[in-house]
Amino acid sequence: MFMASNQFKVVKGCEETFETAWRETSVRLREAAGLIGFQFHRGKECGPHVLYFSVTMWETEERFIDWRRAELYGLPSGGAGPRCASRLEEFDATVSRSNPQ
């Protein structure tokens, strides 16, 4: 399994626009080949921003890369105008199906 985590910084006042765009993206994301599941969370306020993060779980890293290259990678990133632009930080990790503890 492969997991990708993304953090978004959204300008305060643009949260509703961002969340609506993410809901629309999640509909397409559910159809992505190799997707196991995903989570989307609103975090805390940080200065002039509200933090959000998402985690997607994939069958393989290759499936994730394929999705990124495809049209499905339409994450909200400024489509609502410059005030609502988000900053995307990506952290990828490969995890094993077994817990070593």
N, C-alpha and C. Protein backbone atom coordinates (compact mmCIF):
# COMPACT_ATOMS: atom_id res chain seq x y z
N MET A 1 0.85 -1.17 0.00
CA MET A 1 0.00 0.00 0.00
C MET A 1 0.90 1.24 0.00
N PHE A 2 0.42 2.28 -0.65
CA PHE A 2 1.13 3.56 -0.73
C PHE A 2 0.21 4.65 -0.21
N MET A 3 0.75 5.56 0.60
CA MET A 3 -0.04 6.67 1.15
C MET A 3 0.58 7.99 0.75
N ALA A 4 -0.28 8.96 0.45
CA ALA A 4 0.17 10.32 0.17
C ALA A 4 -0.61 11.26 1.06
N SER A 5 0.09 12.20 1.66
CA SER A 5 -0.54 13.17 2.56
C SER A 5 -0.29 14.56 2.01
N ASN A 6 -1.33 15.38 2.02
CA ASN A 6 -1.22 16.74 1.51
C ASN A 6 -1.70 17.73 2.56
N GLN A 7 -0.99 18.83 2.69
CA GLN A 7 -1.41 19.91 3.58
C GLN A 7 -1.73 21.12 2.73
N PHE A 8 -2.82 21.79 3.06
CA PHE A 8 -3.25 22.98 2.33
C PHE A 8 -3.36 24.14 3.30
N LYS A 9 -2.90 25.31 2.89
CA LYS A 9 -3.09 26.54 3.65
C LYS A 9 -4.08 27.37 2.85
N VAL A 10 -5.25 27.59 3.44
CA VAL A 10 -6.32 28.31 2.76
C VAL A 10 -6.54 29.65 3.47
N VAL A 11 -6.60 30.71 2.69
CA VAL A 11 -6.81 32.05 3.24
C VAL A 11 -8.15 32.07 3.98
N LYS A 12 -8.12 32.61 5.22
CA LYS A 12 -9.37 32.73 5.99
C LYS A 12 -10.41 33.47 5.17
N GLY A 13 -11.64 32.99 5.25
CA GLY A 13 -12.73 33.57 4.48
C GLY A 13 -13.00 32.79 3.20
N CYS A 14 -12.08 31.92 2.82
CA CYS A 14 -12.22 31.13 1.60
C CYS A 14 -12.49 29.66 1.90
N GLU A 15 -12.73 29.34 3.16
CA GLU A 15 -12.90 27.95 3.55
C GLU A 15 -14.05 27.26 2.82
N GLU A 16 -15.20 27.93 2.73
CA GLU A 16 -16.37 27.32 2.10
C GLU A 16 -16.10 27.02 0.62
N THR A 17 -15.46 27.96 -0.06
CA THR A 17 -15.13 27.75 -1.48
C THR A 17 -14.19 26.57 -1.63
N PHE A 18 -13.17 26.50 -0.77
CA PHE A 18 -12.20 25.42 -0.83
C PHE A 18 -12.86 24.07 -0.54
N GLU A 19 -13.69 24.01 0.49
CA GLU A 19 -14.35 22.76 0.86
C GLU A 19 -15.30 22.28 -0.23
N THR A 20 -15.99 23.22 -0.88
CA THR A 20 -16.88 22.85 -1.99
C THR A 20 -16.06 22.26 -3.14
N ALA A 21 -14.95 22.90 -3.47
CA ALA A 21 -14.09 22.39 -4.54
C ALA A 21 -13.56 21.01 -4.20
N TRP A 22 -13.21 20.78 -2.93
CA TRP A 22 -12.69 19.47 -2.52
C TRP A 22 -13.77 18.40 -2.60
N ARG A 23 -15.01 18.77 -2.23
CA ARG A 23 -16.12 17.80 -2.35
C ARG A 23 -16.30 17.38 -3.80
N GLU A 24 -16.20 18.33 -4.71
CA GLU A 24 -16.33 18.02 -6.14
C GLU A 24 -15.17 17.14 -6.61
N THR A 25 -13.98 17.43 -6.13
CA THR A 25 -12.81 16.62 -6.49
C THR A 25 -12.94 15.21 -5.92
N SER A 26 -13.49 15.09 -4.73
CA SER A 26 -13.59 13.76 -4.09
C SER A 26 -14.50 12.83 -4.87
N VAL A 27 -15.49 13.38 -5.59
CA VAL A 27 -16.36 12.55 -6.42
C VAL A 27 -15.52 11.88 -7.52
N ARG A 28 -14.65 12.65 -8.17
CA ARG A 28 -13.77 12.09 -9.21
C ARG A 28 -12.73 11.16 -8.60
N LEU A 29 -12.21 11.53 -7.44
CA LEU A 29 -11.18 10.73 -6.79
C LEU A 29 -11.67 9.32 -6.49
N ARG A 30 -12.93 9.20 -6.08
CA ARG A 30 -13.49 7.87 -5.76
C ARG A 30 -13.45 6.92 -6.94
N GLU A 31 -13.37 7.46 -8.16
CA GLU A 31 -13.36 6.64 -9.38
C GLU A 31 -11.95 6.28 -9.82
N ALA A 32 -10.94 6.76 -9.14
CA ALA A 32 -9.55 6.54 -9.55
C ALA A 32 -9.15 5.07 -9.37
N ALA A 33 -8.53 4.53 -10.40
CA ALA A 33 -8.05 3.14 -10.34
C ALA A 33 -6.98 3.01 -9.26
N GLY A 34 -7.12 2.01 -8.42
CA GLY A 34 -6.12 1.73 -7.40
C GLY A 34 -6.31 2.46 -6.09
N LEU A 35 -7.32 3.33 -6.00
CA LEU A 35 -7.56 4.05 -4.75
C LEU A 35 -8.18 3.09 -3.73
N ILE A 36 -7.60 3.05 -2.54
CA ILE A 36 -8.15 2.25 -1.45
C ILE A 36 -9.10 3.11 -0.63
N GLY A 37 -8.71 4.34 -0.36
CA GLY A 37 -9.55 5.24 0.41
C GLY A 37 -8.86 6.57 0.61
N PHE A 38 -9.60 7.53 1.19
CA PHE A 38 -9.01 8.83 1.48
C PHE A 38 -9.74 9.49 2.64
N GLN A 39 -9.06 10.45 3.25
CA GLN A 39 -9.62 11.25 4.32
C GLN A 39 -9.28 12.71 4.06
N PHE A 40 -10.19 13.59 4.45
CA PHE A 40 -10.00 15.02 4.29
C PHE A 40 -10.41 15.67 5.60
N HIS A 41 -9.54 16.52 6.16
CA HIS A 41 -9.80 17.11 7.47
C HIS A 41 -9.48 18.60 7.47
N ARG A 42 -10.31 19.31 8.22
CA ARG A 42 -10.04 20.73 8.47
C ARG A 42 -9.24 20.79 9.77
N GLY A 43 -8.15 21.52 9.74
CA GLY A 43 -7.31 21.66 10.92
C GLY A 43 -7.54 22.97 11.63
N LYS A 44 -6.50 23.45 12.26
CA LYS A 44 -6.60 24.67 13.06
C LYS A 44 -6.31 25.91 12.23
N GLU A 45 -6.65 27.05 12.80
CA GLU A 45 -6.29 28.32 12.18
C GLU A 45 -4.83 28.61 12.49
N CYS A 46 -4.15 29.15 11.51
CA CYS A 46 -2.72 29.44 11.65
C CYS A 46 -2.47 30.80 10.99
N GLY A 47 -2.47 31.84 11.80
CA GLY A 47 -2.30 33.19 11.26
C GLY A 47 -3.45 33.52 10.32
N PRO A 48 -3.12 33.96 9.10
CA PRO A 48 -4.18 34.34 8.15
C PRO A 48 -4.77 33.15 7.39
N HIS A 49 -4.41 31.94 7.79
CA HIS A 49 -4.85 30.75 7.06
C HIS A 49 -5.62 29.77 7.95
N VAL A 50 -6.33 28.87 7.29
CA VAL A 50 -6.91 27.71 7.93
C VAL A 50 -6.20 26.51 7.29
N LEU A 51 -5.72 25.59 8.12
CA LEU A 51 -5.00 24.44 7.62
C LEU A 51 -5.97 23.29 7.34
N TYR A 52 -5.73 22.57 6.26
CA TYR A 52 -6.47 21.37 5.90
C TYR A 52 -5.44 20.30 5.56
N PHE A 53 -5.82 19.05 5.69
CA PHE A 53 -4.94 17.99 5.20
C PHE A 53 -5.77 16.84 4.67
N SER A 54 -5.17 16.12 3.75
CA SER A 54 -5.81 14.95 3.19
C SER A 54 -4.80 13.81 3.18
N VAL A 55 -5.32 12.60 3.24
CA VAL A 55 -4.50 11.40 3.14
C VAL A 55 -5.20 10.49 2.14
N THR A 56 -4.46 10.03 1.15
CA THR A 56 -5.00 9.05 0.21
C THR A 56 -4.19 7.77 0.33
N MET A 57 -4.88 6.64 0.18
CA MET A 57 -4.24 5.33 0.27
C MET A 57 -4.44 4.62 -1.07
N TRP A 58 -3.36 4.10 -1.62
CA TRP A 58 -3.37 3.51 -2.95
C TRP A 58 -2.85 2.08 -2.90
N GLU A 59 -3.24 1.29 -3.88
CA GLU A 59 -2.73 -0.08 -3.99
C GLU A 59 -1.22 -0.08 -4.17
N THR A 60 -0.73 0.84 -5.03
CA THR A 60 0.71 0.95 -5.31
C THR A 60 1.08 2.41 -5.55
N GLU A 61 2.34 2.71 -5.45
CA GLU A 61 2.82 4.05 -5.77
C GLU A 61 2.56 4.38 -7.24
N GLU A 62 2.66 3.38 -8.10
CA GLU A 62 2.43 3.59 -9.53
C GLU A 62 1.00 4.08 -9.80
N ARG A 63 0.02 3.50 -9.07
CA ARG A 63 -1.37 3.94 -9.24
C ARG A 63 -1.52 5.41 -8.82
N PHE A 64 -0.84 5.80 -7.76
CA PHE A 64 -0.87 7.19 -7.32
C PHE A 64 -0.27 8.10 -8.39
N ILE A 65 0.87 7.71 -8.92
CA ILE A 65 1.53 8.51 -9.96
C ILE A 65 0.64 8.62 -11.19
N ASP A 66 0.01 7.51 -11.58
CA ASP A 66 -0.90 7.54 -12.72
C ASP A 66 -2.03 8.55 -12.49
N TRP A 67 -2.58 8.55 -11.27
CA TRP A 67 -3.66 9.48 -10.95
C TRP A 67 -3.18 10.92 -11.02
N ARG A 68 -1.99 11.16 -10.50
CA ARG A 68 -1.45 12.52 -10.53
C ARG A 68 -1.29 13.02 -11.95
N ARG A 69 -0.92 12.11 -12.84
CA ARG A 69 -0.71 12.50 -14.24
C ARG A 69 -2.03 12.69 -14.98
N ALA A 70 -3.08 12.09 -14.47
CA ALA A 70 -4.37 12.12 -15.15
C ALA A 70 -5.15 13.39 -14.84
N GLU A 71 -6.20 13.57 -15.54
CA GLU A 71 -7.09 14.70 -15.35
C GLU A 71 -7.70 14.72 -13.95
N LEU A 72 -7.75 13.57 -13.29
CA LEU A 72 -8.36 13.49 -11.97
C LEU A 72 -7.61 14.29 -10.92
N TYR A 73 -6.37 14.68 -11.20
CA TYR A 73 -5.61 15.42 -10.20
C TYR A 73 -5.99 16.90 -10.23
N GLY A 74 -7.26 17.19 -10.09
CA GLY A 74 -7.75 18.56 -10.12
C GLY A 74 -7.97 19.10 -8.72
N LEU A 75 -7.00 19.00 -7.85
CA LEU A 75 -7.14 19.51 -6.49
C LEU A 75 -7.36 21.01 -6.51
N PRO A 76 -8.19 21.50 -5.63
CA PRO A 76 -8.43 22.94 -5.58
C PRO A 76 -7.15 23.69 -5.28
N SER A 77 -6.75 24.53 -6.20
CA SER A 77 -5.48 25.25 -5.99
C SER A 77 -5.54 26.60 -6.69
N GLY A 78 -6.46 27.41 -6.29
CA GLY A 78 -6.49 28.75 -6.85
C GLY A 78 -7.60 28.96 -7.85
N GLY A 79 -8.42 27.98 -8.13
CA GLY A 79 -9.49 28.14 -9.08
C GLY A 79 -10.51 29.18 -8.65
N ALA A 80 -10.56 29.49 -7.40
CA ALA A 80 -11.53 30.46 -6.89
C ALA A 80 -10.94 31.86 -6.83
N GLY A 81 -9.78 32.06 -7.39
CA GLY A 81 -9.15 33.37 -7.37
C GLY A 81 -7.97 33.41 -6.43
N PRO A 82 -7.12 34.43 -6.56
CA PRO A 82 -5.89 34.48 -5.78
C PRO A 82 -6.11 34.53 -4.26
N ARG A 83 -7.18 35.15 -3.78
CA ARG A 83 -7.41 35.19 -2.33
C ARG A 83 -7.66 33.81 -1.75
N CYS A 84 -8.18 32.90 -2.57
CA CYS A 84 -8.53 31.57 -2.08
C CYS A 84 -7.50 30.52 -2.48
N ALA A 85 -6.39 30.96 -2.99
CA ALA A 85 -5.37 30.00 -3.42
C ALA A 85 -4.87 29.20 -2.23
N SER A 86 -4.67 27.93 -2.44
CA SER A 86 -4.13 27.09 -1.38
C SER A 86 -2.69 26.75 -1.70
N ARG A 87 -1.96 26.43 -0.68
CA ARG A 87 -0.58 26.00 -0.86
C ARG A 87 -0.54 24.51 -0.56
N LEU A 88 -0.06 23.75 -1.50
CA LEU A 88 -0.03 22.30 -1.38
C LEU A 88 1.36 21.84 -0.99
N GLU A 89 1.44 21.08 0.08
CA GLU A 89 2.69 20.45 0.50
C GLU A 89 2.45 18.96 0.47
N GLU A 90 3.31 18.24 -0.19
CA GLU A 90 3.08 16.82 -0.36
C GLU A 90 4.13 16.00 0.36
N PHE A 91 3.66 14.97 1.05
CA PHE A 91 4.53 14.06 1.78
C PHE A 91 4.10 12.65 1.43
N ASP A 92 4.98 11.89 0.85
CA ASP A 92 4.65 10.54 0.44
C ASP A 92 5.39 9.54 1.30
N ALA A 93 4.73 8.41 1.58
CA ALA A 93 5.37 7.36 2.36
C ALA A 93 4.83 6.02 1.95
N THR A 94 5.68 5.05 1.91
CA THR A 94 5.25 3.69 1.66
C THR A 94 5.14 3.01 3.02
N VAL A 95 4.05 2.30 3.23
CA VAL A 95 3.83 1.62 4.50
C VAL A 95 3.59 0.15 4.24
N SER A 96 3.86 -0.66 5.22
CA SER A 96 3.63 -2.09 5.09
C SER A 96 2.27 -2.44 5.65
N ARG A 97 1.72 -3.55 5.24
CA ARG A 97 0.40 -3.99 5.70
C ARG A 97 0.48 -4.58 7.11
N SER A 98 1.66 -4.89 7.58
CA SER A 98 1.78 -5.49 8.91
C SER A 98 2.34 -4.46 9.89
N ASN A 99 1.96 -4.59 11.12
CA ASN A 99 2.44 -3.69 12.17
C ASN A 99 3.62 -4.38 12.86
N PRO A 100 4.81 -3.78 12.83
CA PRO A 100 5.98 -4.45 13.39
C PRO A 100 5.98 -4.53 14.91
N GLN A 101 5.05 -3.90 15.59
CA GLN A 101 5.05 -3.91 17.06
C GLN A 101 4.58 -5.22 17.62
